[in-house]
């Protein structure tokens, strides 16, 4: 399995699921949101819980039904409505689909919102971590932490 194919699939899958408001399937467990995207031998699954402005979850990529990459995350959007965070975050993710939540720094602005994604290190698909934040009129209203990497090499 080539790392470039894994990276390309992961970035594509993210645009087809949460960022693109698609891929919702019946969740495995009650109270869970589950999003999936499949392309031939590849499957992307994002499972997460949301409550009281907090969410946490796990993204996993499978190749031929074997997990090959995974990333856990935790976020807080208590200072925004769910509709407001979805509108701003989805737009930020779609417009920066090939750089967010990996190992590249992203800065983006929409109206009175600013978005930034800051990796902890140069990283690669093998190992990555970082955070993202959204500011509204200069005040932090959202944060998100992520960490993950390749499971098999």
C-alpha atoms as a PDB file:
ATOM      1  CA  UNK A   1       0.000   0.000   0.000  1.00  0.00           C
ATOM      2  CA  UNK A   2       1.426   3.362  -1.034  1.00  0.00           C
ATOM      3  CA  UNK A   3       1.306   6.250   1.441  1.00  0.00           C
ATOM      4  CA  UNK A   4       0.336   8.697  -1.324  1.00  0.00           C
ATOM      5  CA  UNK A   5      -2.770   6.615  -2.112  1.00  0.00           C
ATOM      6  CA  UNK A   6      -3.668   6.486   1.588  1.00  0.00           C
ATOM      7  CA  UNK A   7      -3.269  10.263   1.922  1.00  0.00           C
ATOM      8  CA  UNK A   8      -5.256  10.955  -1.248  1.00  0.00           C
ATOM      9  CA  UNK A   9      -8.080   8.662  -0.155  1.00  0.00           C
ATOM     10  CA  UNK A  10      -8.224  10.128   3.370  1.00  0.00           C
ATOM     11  CA  UNK A  11      -8.434  13.698   2.092  1.00  0.00           C
ATOM     12  CA  UNK A  12     -11.080  12.744  -0.497  1.00  0.00           C
ATOM     13  CA  UNK A  13     -13.141  10.828   2.084  1.00  0.00           C
ATOM     14  CA  UNK A  14     -13.239  13.784   4.459  1.00  0.00           C
ATOM     15  CA  UNK A  15     -14.794  15.957   1.732  1.00  0.00           C
ATOM     16  CA  UNK A  16     -17.464  13.306   1.114  1.00  0.00           C
ATOM     17  CA  UNK A  17     -18.433  12.873   4.778  1.00  0.00           C
ATOM     18  CA  UNK A  18     -18.558  15.565   7.513  1.00  0.00           C
ATOM     19  CA  UNK A  19     -17.167  18.450   5.435  1.00  0.00           C
ATOM     20  CA  UNK A  20     -19.504  17.602   2.549  1.00  0.00           C
ATOM     21  CA  UNK A  21     -22.447  16.765   4.850  1.00  0.00           C
ATOM     22  CA  UNK A  22     -22.676  13.202   3.528  1.00  0.00           C
ATOM     23  CA  UNK A  23     -21.973   9.568   4.241  1.00  0.00           C
ATOM     24  CA  UNK A  24     -24.232   9.099   7.254  1.00  0.00           C
ATOM     25  CA  UNK A  25     -25.008   5.445   7.952  1.00  0.00           C
ATOM     26  CA  UNK A  26     -26.812   3.606  10.742  1.00  0.00           C
ATOM     27  CA  UNK A  27     -24.482   3.813  13.748  1.00  0.00           C
ATOM     28  CA  UNK A  28     -23.078   0.722  15.410  1.00  0.00           C
ATOM     29  CA  UNK A  29     -23.900   2.084  18.902  1.00  0.00           C
ATOM     30  CA  UNK A  30     -26.761   4.215  20.221  1.00  0.00           C
ATOM     31  CA  UNK A  31     -25.987   7.933  20.478  1.00  0.00           C
ATOM     32  CA  UNK A  32     -23.146   7.721  17.974  1.00  0.00           C
ATOM     33  CA  UNK A  33     -22.915   9.445  14.604  1.00  0.00           C
ATOM     34  CA  UNK A  34     -21.268   7.288  11.972  1.00  0.00           C
ATOM     35  CA  UNK A  35     -20.093   8.500   8.572  1.00  0.00           C
ATOM     36  CA  UNK A  36     -18.613   6.275   5.863  1.00  0.00           C
ATOM     37  CA  UNK A  37     -17.149   6.599   2.405  1.00  0.00           C
ATOM     38  CA  UNK A  38     -15.984   3.721   0.206  1.00  0.00           C
ATOM     39  CA  UNK A  39     -13.942   3.743  -2.989  1.00  0.00           C
ATOM     40  CA  UNK A  40     -13.007   0.279  -4.309  1.00  0.00           C
ATOM     41  CA  UNK A  41     -10.653  -1.373  -1.751  1.00  0.00           C
ATOM     42  CA  UNK A  42     -10.719   1.649   0.563  1.00  0.00           C
ATOM     43  CA  UNK A  43     -13.179   2.413   3.375  1.00  0.00           C
ATOM     44  CA  UNK A  44     -13.210   5.522   5.578  1.00  0.00           C
ATOM     45  CA  UNK A  45     -15.222   5.482   8.809  1.00  0.00           C
ATOM     46  CA  UNK A  46     -15.704   8.419  11.165  1.00  0.00           C
ATOM     47  CA  UNK A  47     -17.532   7.738  14.429  1.00  0.00           C
ATOM     48  CA  UNK A  48     -18.219  10.405  17.022  1.00  0.00           C
ATOM     49  CA  UNK A  49     -20.346  11.451  19.965  1.00  0.00           C
ATOM     50  CA  UNK A  50     -21.711  14.976  20.375  1.00  0.00           C
ATOM     51  CA  UNK A  51     -23.306  16.476  23.464  1.00  0.00           C
ATOM     52  CA  UNK A  52     -23.450  19.847  25.209  1.00  0.00           C
ATOM     53  CA  UNK A  53     -21.098  21.448  22.663  1.00  0.00           C
ATOM     54  CA  UNK A  54     -18.426  18.772  23.098  1.00  0.00           C
ATOM     55  CA  UNK A  55     -17.552  16.059  20.599  1.00  0.00           C
ATOM     56  CA  UNK A  56     -15.025  13.256  20.399  1.00  0.00           C
ATOM     57  CA  UNK A  57     -14.393  10.602  17.853  1.00  0.00           C
ATOM     58  CA  UNK A  58     -12.237   8.375  15.743  1.00  0.00           C
ATOM     59  CA  UNK A  59     -11.501   8.300  12.032  1.00  0.00           C
ATOM     60  CA  UNK A  60     -10.237   5.027  10.569  1.00  0.00           C
ATOM     61  CA  UNK A  61      -9.169   4.100   7.051  1.00  0.00           C
ATOM     62  CA  UNK A  62      -9.346   0.469   5.956  1.00  0.00           C
ATOM     63  CA  UNK A  63      -7.646  -1.072   2.953  1.00  0.00           C
ATOM     64  CA  UNK A  64      -9.121  -4.396   1.870  1.00  0.00           C
ATOM     65  CA  UNK A  65     -10.981  -4.584   5.204  1.00  0.00           C
ATOM     66  CA  UNK A  66      -7.843  -4.088   7.326  1.00  0.00           C
ATOM     67  CA  UNK A  67      -7.335  -0.903   9.370  1.00  0.00           C
ATOM     68  CA  UNK A  68      -4.286   0.968   8.044  1.00  0.00           C
ATOM     69  CA  UNK A  69      -4.648   4.456   9.536  1.00  0.00           C
ATOM     70  CA  UNK A  70      -6.546   6.065  12.412  1.00  0.00           C
ATOM     71  CA  UNK A  71      -6.882   9.417  14.164  1.00  0.00           C
ATOM     72  CA  UNK A  72      -8.656  10.328  17.398  1.00  0.00           C
ATOM     73  CA  UNK A  73     -10.001  13.782  18.127  1.00  0.00           C
ATOM     74  CA  UNK A  74     -11.707  15.964  20.708  1.00  0.00           C
ATOM     75  CA  UNK A  75     -13.406  19.319  20.208  1.00  0.00           C
ATOM     76  CA  UNK A  76     -15.446  22.009  21.929  1.00  0.00           C
ATOM     77  CA  UNK A  77     -17.890  24.382  20.214  1.00  0.00           C
ATOM     78  CA  UNK A  78     -19.878  25.479  23.306  1.00  0.00           C
ATOM     79  CA  UNK A  79     -19.615  29.152  22.369  1.00  0.00           C
ATOM     80  CA  UNK A  80     -21.417  28.576  19.050  1.00  0.00           C
ATOM     81  CA  UNK A  81     -24.609  26.894  17.957  1.00  0.00           C
ATOM     82  CA  UNK A  82     -24.272  23.577  16.127  1.00  0.00           C
ATOM     83  CA  UNK A  83     -25.645  25.234  12.993  1.00  0.00           C
ATOM     84  CA  UNK A  84     -23.069  28.032  13.240  1.00  0.00           C
ATOM     85  CA  UNK A  85     -20.091  25.700  13.779  1.00  0.00           C
ATOM     86  CA  UNK A  86     -21.202  23.414  10.948  1.00  0.00           C
ATOM     87  CA  UNK A  87     -21.500  26.349   8.531  1.00  0.00           C
ATOM     88  CA  UNK A  88     -18.074  27.801   9.322  1.00  0.00           C
ATOM     89  CA  UNK A  89     -16.135  24.570   9.911  1.00  0.00           C
ATOM     90  CA  UNK A  90     -17.477  22.740   6.858  1.00  0.00           C
ATOM     91  CA  UNK A  91     -16.587  25.695   4.643  1.00  0.00           C
ATOM     92  CA  UNK A  92     -13.078  25.895   6.149  1.00  0.00           C
ATOM     93  CA  UNK A  93     -12.537  22.165   5.672  1.00  0.00           C
ATOM     94  CA  UNK A  94     -13.841  22.111   2.103  1.00  0.00           C
ATOM     95  CA  UNK A  95     -11.876  25.158   0.999  1.00  0.00           C
ATOM     96  CA  UNK A  96      -8.690  23.758   2.575  1.00  0.00           C
ATOM     97  CA  UNK A  97      -9.452  20.059   2.015  1.00  0.00           C
ATOM     98  CA  UNK A  98      -5.876  19.078   1.101  1.00  0.00           C
ATOM     99  CA  UNK A  99      -4.160  20.731   4.083  1.00  0.00           C
ATOM    100  CA  UNK A 100      -6.356  20.626   7.207  1.00  0.00           C
ATOM    101  CA  UNK A 101      -5.989  18.119  10.026  1.00  0.00           C
ATOM    102  CA  UNK A 102      -2.781  16.680   8.717  1.00  0.00           C
ATOM    103  CA  UNK A 103       0.719  18.145   9.068  1.00  0.00           C
ATOM    104  CA  UNK A 104       0.353  21.522   7.347  1.00  0.00           C
ATOM    105  CA  UNK A 105      -0.487  24.913   8.846  1.00  0.00           C
ATOM    106  CA  UNK A 106      -3.700  26.526   7.568  1.00  0.00           C
ATOM    107  CA  UNK A 107      -5.089  30.021   8.121  1.00  0.00           C
ATOM    108  CA  UNK A 108      -8.452  30.977   6.632  1.00  0.00           C
ATOM    109  CA  UNK A 109     -11.028  33.770   7.075  1.00  0.00           C
ATOM    110  CA  UNK A 110     -14.801  33.979   6.515  1.00  0.00           C
ATOM    111  CA  UNK A 111     -16.625  37.169   7.451  1.00  0.00           C
ATOM    112  CA  UNK A 112     -15.848  37.778  11.158  1.00  0.00           C
ATOM    113  CA  UNK A 113     -14.537  34.216  11.671  1.00  0.00           C
ATOM    114  CA  UNK A 114     -10.946  33.079  11.374  1.00  0.00           C
ATOM    115  CA  UNK A 115      -9.842  29.464  11.294  1.00  0.00           C
ATOM    116  CA  UNK A 116      -6.407  28.044  11.940  1.00  0.00           C
ATOM    117  CA  UNK A 117      -5.031  24.543  11.928  1.00  0.00           C
ATOM    118  CA  UNK A 118      -1.626  24.179  13.547  1.00  0.00           C
ATOM    119  CA  UNK A 119       0.327  20.908  13.482  1.00  0.00           C
ATOM    120  CA  UNK A 120       2.516  20.011  16.474  1.00  0.00           C
ATOM    121  CA  UNK A 121       5.332  18.866  14.196  1.00  0.00           C
ATOM    122  CA  UNK A 122       6.154  18.536  10.484  1.00  0.00           C
ATOM    123  CA  UNK A 123       4.655  15.033  10.622  1.00  0.00           C
ATOM    124  CA  UNK A 124       3.491  12.757   7.840  1.00  0.00           C
ATOM    125  CA  UNK A 125       0.687  10.283   7.197  1.00  0.00           C
ATOM    126  CA  UNK A 126       2.655   7.939   9.506  1.00  0.00           C
ATOM    127  CA  UNK A 127       2.322  10.236  12.526  1.00  0.00           C
ATOM    128  CA  UNK A 128       0.498  13.520  12.976  1.00  0.00           C
ATOM    129  CA  UNK A 129      -0.980  15.696  15.707  1.00  0.00           C
ATOM    130  CA  UNK A 130      -2.155  19.231  16.116  1.00  0.00           C
ATOM    131  CA  UNK A 131      -5.032  21.543  16.860  1.00  0.00           C
ATOM    132  CA  UNK A 132      -7.465  23.788  15.124  1.00  0.00           C
ATOM    133  CA  UNK A 133      -9.265  26.847  16.414  1.00  0.00           C
ATOM    134  CA  UNK A 134     -11.998  29.162  15.241  1.00  0.00           C
ATOM    135  CA  UNK A 135     -12.213  32.755  16.368  1.00  0.00           C
ATOM    136  CA  UNK A 136     -15.276  34.976  16.085  1.00  0.00           C
ATOM    137  CA  UNK A 137     -14.490  38.684  16.106  1.00  0.00           C
ATOM    138  CA  UNK A 138     -11.076  37.820  17.567  1.00  0.00           C
ATOM    139  CA  UNK A 139     -12.383  35.642  20.438  1.00  0.00           C
ATOM    140  CA  UNK A 140     -11.778  31.886  20.485  1.00  0.00           C
ATOM    141  CA  UNK A 141     -15.116  30.067  20.116  1.00  0.00           C
ATOM    142  CA  UNK A 142     -13.998  26.572  19.049  1.00  0.00           C
ATOM    143  CA  UNK A 143     -11.034  24.263  19.550  1.00  0.00           C
ATOM    144  CA  UNK A 144     -10.160  20.793  18.281  1.00  0.00           C
ATOM    145  CA  UNK A 145      -7.238  18.463  19.065  1.00  0.00           C
ATOM    146  CA  UNK A 146      -6.203  15.537  16.873  1.00  0.00           C
ATOM    147  CA  UNK A 147      -3.568  12.802  16.857  1.00  0.00           C
ATOM    148  CA  UNK A 148      -3.082   9.734  14.717  1.00  0.00           C
ATOM    149  CA  UNK A 149      -1.138   7.915  12.090  1.00  0.00           C
ATOM    150  CA  UNK A 150      -0.531   4.765  10.138  1.00  0.00           C
ATOM    151  CA  UNK A 151      -1.380   1.498  11.852  1.00  0.00           C
ATOM    152  CA  UNK A 152       0.456  -0.745   9.424  1.00  0.00           C
ATOM    153  CA  UNK A 153       3.440   0.180   7.337  1.00  0.00           C
END
